[in-house]
Amino acid sequence: MSAPMNRGSILVMATAMGVAISAALTAAAGGGESAPIFGIEIPPSYRDWRLVSVAHEEGSLDDLRAILGNDVAIKAFRDGTRPFPDGTIIARLAWSYVPSEENNKAFGRAQSFVAGPPKNGVQFMVKDSRRYAATGGWGFAQFDNGKPADEAMLNTCFACHRPAEARDFVFTRYAP
């Protein structure tokens, strides 16, 4: 008969399970192509993840975006846990920002915008503090029409996220 597990043992086991799940999602998810440098694949069922926040980006990006998180990410966002724990995966989906003629007719004036065609690919941030130690513990991926972005593009990710270092390199804040 084994001894009962204490809280420390349970925490270590839960962390190990989170890392294992993250590795399974990023290294063996569905047999798709993986992003260069970080080896991340599109996680299965990511479109079913919970909403973290939405944003409208102007300028050269000019898109409407949704930020989604896996269960580990959602718990960390809600609890304010920083740095994010290993196993966190954050997804960014983006669409063209287009006026809705149908909605504008209902409102009687131009005021409504909706998500149009997908734009700027789908992006992922995967937290694995050992595997991605050189990039603040995060691996980055972008997929355009299901195909991974090239190495040159991915080499820009960490530098872009550096201004958010105080928030563990994550720009998005949880929208309750």
N, C-alpha and C. Protein backbone atom coordinates (compact mmCIF):
# COMPACT_ATOMS: atom_id res chain seq x y z
N MET A 1 0.85 -1.17 0.00
CA MET A 1 0.00 0.00 0.00
C MET A 1 0.89 1.23 0.00
N SER A 2 0.62 2.19 -0.85
CA SER A 2 1.44 3.39 -0.94
C SER A 2 0.96 4.44 0.04
N ALA A 3 1.88 5.37 0.37
CA ALA A 3 1.54 6.46 1.29
C ALA A 3 0.64 7.47 0.60
N PRO A 4 -0.21 8.17 1.34
CA PRO A 4 -1.07 9.19 0.72
C PRO A 4 -0.23 10.32 0.14
N MET A 5 -0.73 10.92 -0.92
CA MET A 5 0.00 12.01 -1.58
C MET A 5 -0.24 13.32 -0.83
N ASN A 6 0.82 14.10 -0.67
CA ASN A 6 0.66 15.41 -0.04
C ASN A 6 0.43 16.46 -1.12
N ARG A 7 0.14 17.68 -0.70
CA ARG A 7 -0.16 18.76 -1.67
C ARG A 7 0.99 19.00 -2.63
N GLY A 8 2.22 18.96 -2.14
CA GLY A 8 3.39 19.18 -3.00
C GLY A 8 3.48 18.13 -4.10
N SER A 9 3.23 16.87 -3.74
CA SER A 9 3.27 15.79 -4.72
C SER A 9 2.18 15.95 -5.77
N ILE A 10 0.99 16.37 -5.30
CA ILE A 10 -0.12 16.58 -6.23
C ILE A 10 0.21 17.71 -7.19
N LEU A 11 0.80 18.82 -6.69
CA LEU A 11 1.17 19.95 -7.53
C LEU A 11 2.21 19.54 -8.57
N VAL A 12 3.22 18.78 -8.14
CA VAL A 12 4.25 18.31 -9.08
C VAL A 12 3.62 17.43 -10.16
N MET A 13 2.72 16.54 -9.74
CA MET A 13 2.06 15.65 -10.70
C MET A 13 1.20 16.45 -11.67
N ALA A 14 0.44 17.43 -11.17
CA ALA A 14 -0.41 18.25 -12.04
C ALA A 14 0.43 19.05 -13.02
N THR A 15 1.56 19.61 -12.56
CA THR A 15 2.45 20.35 -13.46
C THR A 15 3.02 19.44 -14.53
N ALA A 16 3.44 18.26 -14.14
CA ALA A 16 3.99 17.30 -15.11
C ALA A 16 2.94 16.92 -16.14
N MET A 17 1.69 16.76 -15.70
CA MET A 17 0.61 16.43 -16.63
C MET A 17 0.37 17.57 -17.60
N GLY A 18 0.41 18.82 -17.10
CA GLY A 18 0.22 19.99 -17.97
C GLY A 18 1.31 20.07 -19.02
N VAL A 19 2.57 19.83 -18.63
CA VAL A 19 3.67 19.85 -19.59
C VAL A 19 3.51 18.73 -20.60
N ALA A 20 3.10 17.54 -20.13
CA ALA A 20 2.91 16.42 -21.05
C ALA A 20 1.80 16.71 -22.06
N ILE A 21 0.71 17.32 -21.58
CA ILE A 21 -0.39 17.67 -22.48
C ILE A 21 0.09 18.70 -23.50
N SER A 22 0.85 19.69 -23.04
CA SER A 22 1.38 20.71 -23.94
C SER A 22 2.27 20.07 -25.00
N ALA A 23 3.13 19.17 -24.56
CA ALA A 23 4.03 18.50 -25.51
C ALA A 23 3.23 17.70 -26.52
N ALA A 24 2.18 17.02 -26.04
CA ALA A 24 1.35 16.24 -26.96
C ALA A 24 0.67 17.14 -27.98
N LEU A 25 0.17 18.28 -27.53
CA LEU A 25 -0.49 19.20 -28.45
C LEU A 25 0.47 19.81 -29.44
N THR A 26 1.67 20.15 -29.01
CA THR A 26 2.59 20.86 -29.89
C THR A 26 3.44 19.93 -30.73
N ALA A 27 3.72 18.74 -30.26
CA ALA A 27 4.63 17.88 -30.99
C ALA A 27 3.93 16.80 -31.80
N ALA A 28 2.71 16.44 -31.41
CA ALA A 28 2.08 15.32 -32.09
C ALA A 28 0.62 15.57 -32.42
N ALA A 29 0.25 16.79 -32.59
CA ALA A 29 -1.15 17.13 -32.81
C ALA A 29 -1.59 16.89 -34.24
N GLY A 30 -2.31 15.83 -34.43
CA GLY A 30 -2.97 15.61 -35.70
C GLY A 30 -2.08 15.39 -36.91
N GLY A 31 -0.78 15.27 -36.75
CA GLY A 31 0.10 14.96 -37.86
C GLY A 31 0.25 16.06 -38.89
N GLY A 32 -0.11 17.30 -38.56
CA GLY A 32 0.04 18.40 -39.50
C GLY A 32 1.47 18.88 -39.56
N GLU A 33 1.70 19.89 -40.39
CA GLU A 33 3.03 20.47 -40.48
C GLU A 33 3.31 21.30 -39.25
N SER A 34 4.56 21.29 -38.81
CA SER A 34 4.91 22.10 -37.66
C SER A 34 5.66 23.34 -38.10
N ALA A 35 5.53 24.38 -37.28
CA ALA A 35 6.21 25.65 -37.56
C ALA A 35 7.72 25.47 -37.38
N PRO A 36 8.52 26.09 -38.24
CA PRO A 36 9.96 26.00 -38.07
C PRO A 36 10.39 26.66 -36.76
N ILE A 37 11.56 26.39 -36.33
CA ILE A 37 12.19 26.90 -35.11
C ILE A 37 11.58 26.27 -33.86
N PHE A 38 10.27 26.47 -33.65
CA PHE A 38 9.64 26.07 -32.40
C PHE A 38 8.95 24.71 -32.47
N GLY A 39 8.72 24.17 -33.65
CA GLY A 39 8.14 22.84 -33.80
C GLY A 39 6.69 22.71 -33.35
N ILE A 40 5.94 23.79 -33.43
CA ILE A 40 4.55 23.79 -32.96
C ILE A 40 3.62 23.46 -34.12
N GLU A 41 2.66 22.58 -33.85
CA GLU A 41 1.60 22.27 -34.81
C GLU A 41 0.31 22.95 -34.37
N ILE A 42 -0.65 23.00 -35.26
CA ILE A 42 -1.96 23.55 -34.91
C ILE A 42 -2.61 22.60 -33.91
N PRO A 43 -2.92 23.09 -32.70
CA PRO A 43 -3.54 22.21 -31.72
C PRO A 43 -4.94 21.79 -32.16
N PRO A 44 -5.28 20.52 -31.97
CA PRO A 44 -6.63 20.08 -32.34
C PRO A 44 -7.67 20.78 -31.49
N SER A 45 -8.79 21.10 -32.07
CA SER A 45 -9.94 21.69 -31.38
C SER A 45 -9.68 23.05 -30.76
N TYR A 46 -8.64 23.77 -31.21
CA TYR A 46 -8.36 25.09 -30.62
C TYR A 46 -9.53 26.05 -30.81
N ARG A 47 -10.33 25.85 -31.85
CA ARG A 47 -11.48 26.75 -32.06
C ARG A 47 -12.55 26.57 -30.99
N ASP A 48 -12.46 25.52 -30.20
CA ASP A 48 -13.40 25.29 -29.11
C ASP A 48 -12.90 25.86 -27.78
N TRP A 49 -11.71 26.45 -27.77
CA TRP A 49 -11.18 27.03 -26.54
C TRP A 49 -12.01 28.23 -26.13
N ARG A 50 -11.84 28.65 -24.89
CA ARG A 50 -12.59 29.81 -24.36
C ARG A 50 -11.98 31.12 -24.84
N LEU A 51 -12.86 32.12 -24.90
CA LEU A 51 -12.46 33.46 -25.32
C LEU A 51 -11.74 34.18 -24.18
N VAL A 52 -10.57 34.75 -24.49
CA VAL A 52 -9.82 35.56 -23.54
C VAL A 52 -10.20 37.02 -23.74
N SER A 53 -10.17 37.46 -25.00
CA SER A 53 -10.46 38.86 -25.31
C SER A 53 -10.64 39.03 -26.81
N VAL A 54 -11.10 40.21 -27.20
CA VAL A 54 -11.19 40.58 -28.61
C VAL A 54 -10.49 41.92 -28.79
N ALA A 55 -10.08 42.21 -30.02
CA ALA A 55 -9.40 43.49 -30.29
C ALA A 55 -9.61 43.88 -31.73
N HIS A 56 -9.52 45.17 -31.98
CA HIS A 56 -9.50 45.71 -33.33
C HIS A 56 -8.16 46.38 -33.51
N GLU A 57 -7.37 45.88 -34.43
CA GLU A 57 -6.06 46.46 -34.73
C GLU A 57 -6.19 47.32 -35.98
N GLU A 58 -5.68 48.53 -35.89
CA GLU A 58 -5.68 49.42 -37.05
C GLU A 58 -4.30 49.39 -37.69
N GLY A 59 -4.01 50.40 -38.49
CA GLY A 59 -2.70 50.50 -39.13
C GLY A 59 -2.47 49.39 -40.13
N SER A 60 -1.25 48.91 -40.19
CA SER A 60 -0.89 47.91 -41.20
C SER A 60 -1.57 46.56 -40.95
N LEU A 61 -1.94 46.26 -39.71
CA LEU A 61 -2.62 44.99 -39.43
C LEU A 61 -4.08 45.04 -39.85
N ASP A 62 -4.77 46.12 -39.49
CA ASP A 62 -6.16 46.37 -39.86
C ASP A 62 -7.00 45.09 -39.83
N ASP A 63 -7.17 44.56 -38.60
CA ASP A 63 -7.98 43.35 -38.47
C ASP A 63 -8.81 43.39 -37.20
N LEU A 64 -9.73 42.46 -37.13
CA LEU A 64 -10.54 42.19 -35.96
C LEU A 64 -10.05 40.84 -35.46
N ARG A 65 -9.74 40.73 -34.17
CA ARG A 65 -9.15 39.48 -33.70
C ARG A 65 -9.77 38.97 -32.42
N ALA A 66 -9.69 37.67 -32.27
CA ALA A 66 -10.12 37.00 -31.05
C ALA A 66 -8.92 36.27 -30.47
N ILE A 67 -8.77 36.36 -29.16
CA ILE A 67 -7.72 35.65 -28.47
C ILE A 67 -8.39 34.54 -27.68
N LEU A 68 -7.95 33.31 -27.90
CA LEU A 68 -8.49 32.14 -27.23
C LEU A 68 -7.42 31.52 -26.36
N GLY A 69 -7.82 30.77 -25.34
CA GLY A 69 -6.86 30.09 -24.49
C GLY A 69 -7.30 28.69 -24.15
N ASN A 70 -6.31 27.80 -24.01
CA ASN A 70 -6.63 26.46 -23.53
C ASN A 70 -6.98 26.58 -22.04
N ASP A 71 -7.35 25.49 -21.40
CA ASP A 71 -7.79 25.55 -20.00
C ASP A 71 -6.71 26.10 -19.07
N VAL A 72 -5.44 25.75 -19.32
CA VAL A 72 -4.34 26.25 -18.50
C VAL A 72 -4.24 27.77 -18.63
N ALA A 73 -4.35 28.27 -19.86
CA ALA A 73 -4.29 29.71 -20.09
C ALA A 73 -5.44 30.44 -19.42
N ILE A 74 -6.65 29.92 -19.58
CA ILE A 74 -7.83 30.57 -19.01
C ILE A 74 -7.70 30.67 -17.49
N LYS A 75 -7.26 29.60 -16.86
CA LYS A 75 -7.09 29.63 -15.40
C LYS A 75 -6.06 30.69 -15.01
N ALA A 76 -4.95 30.75 -15.73
CA ALA A 76 -3.91 31.73 -15.41
C ALA A 76 -4.40 33.16 -15.64
N PHE A 77 -5.11 33.39 -16.73
CA PHE A 77 -5.67 34.72 -16.99
C PHE A 77 -6.63 35.11 -15.86
N ARG A 78 -7.54 34.22 -15.51
CA ARG A 78 -8.54 34.53 -14.48
C ARG A 78 -7.92 34.76 -13.11
N ASP A 79 -6.91 33.95 -12.78
CA ASP A 79 -6.27 34.04 -11.47
C ASP A 79 -5.20 35.12 -11.40
N GLY A 80 -4.82 35.67 -12.57
CA GLY A 80 -3.74 36.65 -12.60
C GLY A 80 -2.36 36.03 -12.41
N THR A 81 -2.23 34.75 -12.71
CA THR A 81 -0.96 34.04 -12.52
C THR A 81 0.06 34.48 -13.56
N ARG A 82 1.17 35.05 -13.10
CA ARG A 82 2.28 35.44 -13.97
C ARG A 82 3.56 35.06 -13.24
N PRO A 83 4.50 34.45 -13.88
CA PRO A 83 4.42 34.07 -15.28
C PRO A 83 3.38 32.97 -15.50
N PHE A 84 2.95 32.88 -16.75
CA PHE A 84 2.01 31.83 -17.11
C PHE A 84 2.67 30.48 -16.87
N PRO A 85 1.91 29.47 -16.44
CA PRO A 85 2.50 28.15 -16.21
C PRO A 85 2.77 27.42 -17.52
N ASP A 86 3.73 26.51 -17.46
CA ASP A 86 3.99 25.65 -18.61
C ASP A 86 2.69 24.92 -18.96
N GLY A 87 2.46 24.74 -20.23
CA GLY A 87 1.23 24.11 -20.72
C GLY A 87 0.22 25.13 -21.22
N THR A 88 0.47 26.43 -20.94
CA THR A 88 -0.39 27.49 -21.44
C THR A 88 -0.28 27.57 -22.96
N ILE A 89 -1.40 27.64 -23.65
CA ILE A 89 -1.40 27.88 -25.09
C ILE A 89 -2.43 28.97 -25.37
N ILE A 90 -1.98 30.00 -26.09
CA ILE A 90 -2.83 31.12 -26.45
C ILE A 90 -2.91 31.16 -27.97
N ALA A 91 -4.12 31.31 -28.50
CA ALA A 91 -4.32 31.39 -29.95
C ALA A 91 -4.84 32.77 -30.32
N ARG A 92 -4.40 33.28 -31.47
CA ARG A 92 -4.90 34.56 -32.01
C ARG A 92 -5.45 34.29 -33.40
N LEU A 93 -6.76 34.54 -33.57
CA LEU A 93 -7.40 34.43 -34.88
C LEU A 93 -7.72 35.84 -35.34
N ALA A 94 -7.64 36.09 -36.63
CA ALA A 94 -7.90 37.44 -37.13
C ALA A 94 -8.71 37.39 -38.42
N TRP A 95 -9.53 38.44 -38.59
CA TRP A 95 -10.36 38.56 -39.77
C TRP A 95 -10.29 39.99 -40.28
N SER A 96 -10.61 40.16 -41.54
CA SER A 96 -10.75 41.51 -42.08
C SER A 96 -11.88 42.19 -41.33
N TYR A 97 -11.75 43.49 -41.16
CA TYR A 97 -12.71 44.31 -40.42
C TYR A 97 -13.55 45.01 -41.47
N VAL A 98 -14.79 44.54 -41.67
CA VAL A 98 -15.59 45.05 -42.78
C VAL A 98 -16.93 45.60 -42.29
N PRO A 99 -17.46 46.62 -42.99
CA PRO A 99 -18.77 47.14 -42.61
C PRO A 99 -19.85 46.13 -42.96
N SER A 100 -20.91 46.12 -42.17
CA SER A 100 -22.04 45.24 -42.41
C SER A 100 -23.19 46.07 -42.98
N GLU A 101 -23.39 45.95 -44.29
CA GLU A 101 -24.48 46.69 -44.91
C GLU A 101 -25.82 46.27 -44.33
N GLU A 102 -26.00 44.99 -44.09
CA GLU A 102 -27.25 44.48 -43.53
C GLU A 102 -27.54 45.09 -42.15
N ASN A 103 -26.54 45.09 -41.26
CA ASN A 103 -26.73 45.67 -39.94
C ASN A 103 -26.93 47.18 -40.02
N ASN A 104 -26.17 47.84 -40.91
CA ASN A 104 -26.30 49.29 -41.05
C ASN A 104 -27.70 49.69 -41.50
N LYS A 105 -28.32 48.88 -42.37
CA LYS A 105 -29.71 49.15 -42.79
C LYS A 105 -30.63 49.09 -41.58
N ALA A 106 -30.42 48.10 -40.71
CA ALA A 106 -31.26 47.96 -39.53
C ALA A 106 -31.09 49.14 -38.58
N PHE A 107 -29.87 49.65 -38.47
CA PHE A 107 -29.60 50.77 -37.57
C PHE A 107 -29.93 52.13 -38.20
N GLY A 108 -30.08 52.13 -39.52
CA GLY A 108 -30.40 53.37 -40.21
C GLY A 108 -29.20 54.28 -40.44
N ARG A 109 -28.02 53.77 -40.19
CA ARG A 109 -26.78 54.54 -40.42
C ARG A 109 -25.57 53.59 -40.41
N ALA A 110 -24.47 54.08 -40.95
CA ALA A 110 -23.23 53.29 -40.98
C ALA A 110 -22.61 53.28 -39.59
N GLN A 111 -22.64 52.12 -38.93
CA GLN A 111 -22.06 52.02 -37.60
C GLN A 111 -21.59 50.61 -37.26
N SER A 112 -21.94 49.63 -38.08
CA SER A 112 -21.68 48.25 -37.74
C SER A 112 -20.54 47.66 -38.58
N PHE A 113 -19.62 46.99 -37.89
CA PHE A 113 -18.52 46.29 -38.55
C PHE A 113 -18.51 44.86 -38.03
N VAL A 114 -18.13 43.93 -38.90
CA VAL A 114 -18.12 42.52 -38.55
C VAL A 114 -16.84 41.87 -39.06
N ALA A 115 -16.64 40.63 -38.64
CA ALA A 115 -15.51 39.85 -39.13
C ALA A 115 -15.77 39.43 -40.57
N GLY A 116 -14.81 39.74 -41.44
CA GLY A 116 -14.88 39.32 -42.83
C GLY A 116 -14.02 38.08 -43.04
N PRO A 117 -13.37 37.98 -44.19
CA PRO A 117 -12.52 36.83 -44.46
C PRO A 117 -11.34 36.76 -43.48
N PRO A 118 -10.85 35.55 -43.18
CA PRO A 118 -9.67 35.41 -42.31
C PRO A 118 -8.50 36.23 -42.85
N LYS A 119 -7.67 36.73 -41.92
CA LYS A 119 -6.56 37.60 -42.29
C LYS A 119 -5.39 37.38 -41.34
N ASN A 120 -4.20 37.52 -41.83
CA ASN A 120 -2.99 37.45 -41.01
C ASN A 120 -2.80 36.12 -40.30
N GLY A 121 -3.33 35.06 -40.85
CA GLY A 121 -3.12 33.71 -40.31
C GLY A 121 -3.64 33.51 -38.90
N VAL A 122 -3.41 32.32 -38.37
CA VAL A 122 -3.72 32.01 -36.97
C VAL A 122 -2.38 31.86 -36.27
N GLN A 123 -2.26 32.44 -35.10
CA GLN A 123 -1.00 32.43 -34.36
C GLN A 123 -1.19 31.72 -33.02
N PHE A 124 -0.09 31.13 -32.54
CA PHE A 124 -0.09 30.45 -31.25
C PHE A 124 1.14 30.85 -30.45
N MET A 125 0.95 30.96 -29.15
CA MET A 125 2.05 31.07 -28.19
C MET A 125 1.92 29.86 -27.27
N VAL A 126 3.00 29.13 -27.09
CA VAL A 126 3.01 27.93 -26.27
C VAL A 126 4.05 28.10 -25.18
N LYS A 127 3.65 27.95 -23.92
CA LYS A 127 4.57 28.14 -22.80
C LYS A 127 5.21 26.82 -22.41
N ASP A 128 6.53 26.78 -22.53
CA ASP A 128 7.35 25.66 -22.07
C ASP A 128 8.68 26.29 -21.67
N SER A 129 8.83 26.58 -20.39
CA SER A 129 9.96 27.38 -19.92
C SER A 129 11.32 26.75 -20.19
N ARG A 130 11.40 25.45 -20.28
CA ARG A 130 12.69 24.82 -20.61
C ARG A 130 12.94 24.78 -22.11
N ARG A 131 11.97 24.30 -22.84
CA ARG A 131 12.13 24.13 -24.29
C ARG A 131 12.35 25.47 -24.99
N TYR A 132 11.67 26.53 -24.52
CA TYR A 132 11.76 27.83 -25.18
C TYR A 132 12.42 28.88 -24.28
N ALA A 133 13.41 28.47 -23.50
CA ALA A 133 14.07 29.37 -22.54
C ALA A 133 14.65 30.60 -23.23
N ALA A 134 15.17 30.45 -24.43
CA ALA A 134 15.81 31.57 -25.14
C ALA A 134 14.81 32.65 -25.56
N THR A 135 13.52 32.31 -25.56
CA THR A 135 12.49 33.28 -25.97
C THR A 135 11.48 33.49 -24.83
N GLY A 136 12.01 33.68 -23.64
CA GLY A 136 11.17 34.00 -22.50
C GLY A 136 10.25 32.88 -22.06
N GLY A 137 10.53 31.65 -22.49
CA GLY A 137 9.70 30.51 -22.14
C GLY A 137 8.56 30.24 -23.11
N TRP A 138 8.49 31.05 -24.18
CA TRP A 138 7.40 30.92 -25.15
C TRP A 138 7.89 30.44 -26.51
N GLY A 139 7.13 29.54 -27.10
CA GLY A 139 7.31 29.17 -28.49
C GLY A 139 6.23 29.86 -29.30
N PHE A 140 6.53 30.20 -30.54
CA PHE A 140 5.61 30.96 -31.38
C PHE A 140 5.36 30.22 -32.69
N ALA A 141 4.15 30.35 -33.21
CA ALA A 141 3.81 29.74 -34.49
C ALA A 141 2.76 30.59 -35.19
N GLN A 142 2.84 30.60 -36.51
CA GLN A 142 1.79 31.21 -37.33
C GLN A 142 1.53 30.28 -38.49
N PHE A 143 0.25 30.13 -38.81
CA PHE A 143 -0.17 29.28 -39.92
C PHE A 143 -1.05 30.10 -40.84
N ASP A 144 -0.69 30.15 -42.11
CA ASP A 144 -1.45 30.84 -43.13
C ASP A 144 -2.07 29.78 -44.03
N ASN A 145 -3.40 29.73 -44.04
CA ASN A 145 -4.12 28.71 -44.80
C ASN A 145 -3.65 27.30 -44.45
N GLY A 146 -3.39 27.08 -43.16
CA GLY A 146 -2.96 25.76 -42.68
C GLY A 146 -1.49 25.46 -42.83
N LYS A 147 -0.74 26.32 -43.49
CA LYS A 147 0.69 26.09 -43.72
C LYS A 147 1.51 26.96 -42.76
N PRO A 148 2.56 26.40 -42.17
CA PRO A 148 3.36 27.19 -41.23
C PRO A 148 4.09 28.34 -41.92
N ALA A 149 4.16 29.46 -41.20
CA ALA A 149 4.93 30.61 -41.70
C ALA A 149 6.40 30.24 -41.72
N ASP A 150 7.17 30.99 -42.48
CA ASP A 150 8.59 30.67 -42.60
C ASP A 150 9.40 31.14 -41.38
N GLU A 151 10.62 30.66 -41.32
CA GLU A 151 11.52 30.95 -40.21
C GLU A 151 11.76 32.45 -40.04
N ALA A 152 11.91 33.17 -41.14
CA ALA A 152 12.15 34.62 -41.06
C ALA A 152 11.02 35.33 -40.33
N MET A 153 9.79 34.95 -40.62
CA MET A 153 8.65 35.57 -39.94
C MET A 153 8.66 35.23 -38.46
N LEU A 154 8.88 33.97 -38.12
CA LEU A 154 8.87 33.54 -36.72
C LEU A 154 10.00 34.15 -35.91
N ASN A 155 11.09 34.50 -36.57
CA ASN A 155 12.20 35.16 -35.87
C ASN A 155 11.84 36.56 -35.39
N THR A 156 10.73 37.12 -35.85
CA THR A 156 10.31 38.45 -35.41
C THR A 156 9.39 38.40 -34.19
N CYS A 157 8.86 37.25 -33.85
CA CYS A 157 7.84 37.15 -32.80
C CYS A 157 8.34 37.61 -31.43
N PHE A 158 9.43 37.06 -30.97
CA PHE A 158 9.88 37.38 -29.62
C PHE A 158 10.24 38.85 -29.48
N ALA A 159 10.91 39.40 -30.48
CA ALA A 159 11.27 40.82 -30.42
C ALA A 159 10.01 41.69 -30.32
N CYS A 160 8.97 41.32 -31.02
CA CYS A 160 7.71 42.07 -30.98
C CYS A 160 7.06 41.98 -29.59
N HIS A 161 7.17 40.83 -28.94
CA HIS A 161 6.54 40.62 -27.64
C HIS A 161 7.37 41.15 -26.47
N ARG A 162 8.61 41.51 -26.73
CA ARG A 162 9.50 41.99 -25.66
C ARG A 162 8.93 43.17 -24.85
N PRO A 163 8.24 44.15 -25.48
CA PRO A 163 7.68 45.25 -24.68
C PRO A 163 6.68 44.80 -23.61
N ALA A 164 6.15 43.60 -23.74
CA ALA A 164 5.19 43.07 -22.75
C ALA A 164 5.87 42.13 -21.75
N GLU A 165 7.16 42.27 -21.59
CA GLU A 165 7.91 41.37 -20.70
C GLU A 165 7.35 41.37 -19.28
N ALA A 166 6.93 42.52 -18.77
CA ALA A 166 6.38 42.60 -17.41
C ALA A 166 5.11 41.77 -17.26
N ARG A 167 4.44 41.43 -18.38
CA ARG A 167 3.23 40.59 -18.35
C ARG A 167 3.53 39.22 -18.97
N ASP A 168 4.78 38.78 -18.79
CA ASP A 168 5.23 37.49 -19.34
C ASP A 168 5.07 37.44 -20.85
N PHE A 169 5.37 38.55 -21.51
CA PHE A 169 5.41 38.67 -22.97
C PHE A 169 4.03 38.53 -23.64
N VAL A 170 2.97 38.66 -22.89
CA VAL A 170 1.61 38.52 -23.42
C VAL A 170 0.96 39.91 -23.44
N PHE A 171 0.55 40.37 -24.60
CA PHE A 171 -0.11 41.66 -24.75
C PHE A 171 -1.54 41.64 -24.18
N THR A 172 -2.24 40.56 -24.42
CA THR A 172 -3.66 40.48 -24.12
C THR A 172 -3.93 40.44 -22.63
N ARG A 173 -4.94 41.15 -22.25
CA ARG A 173 -5.44 41.10 -20.87
C ARG A 173 -6.81 40.42 -20.90
N TYR A 174 -7.09 39.69 -19.86
CA TYR A 174 -8.35 38.96 -19.79
C TYR A 174 -9.53 39.92 -19.73
N ALA A 175 -10.52 39.70 -20.57
CA ALA A 175 -11.74 40.51 -20.58
C ALA A 175 -12.82 39.69 -19.86
N PRO A 176 -13.09 40.02 -18.60
CA PRO A 176 -14.06 39.22 -17.83
C PRO A 176 -15.46 39.32 -18.40
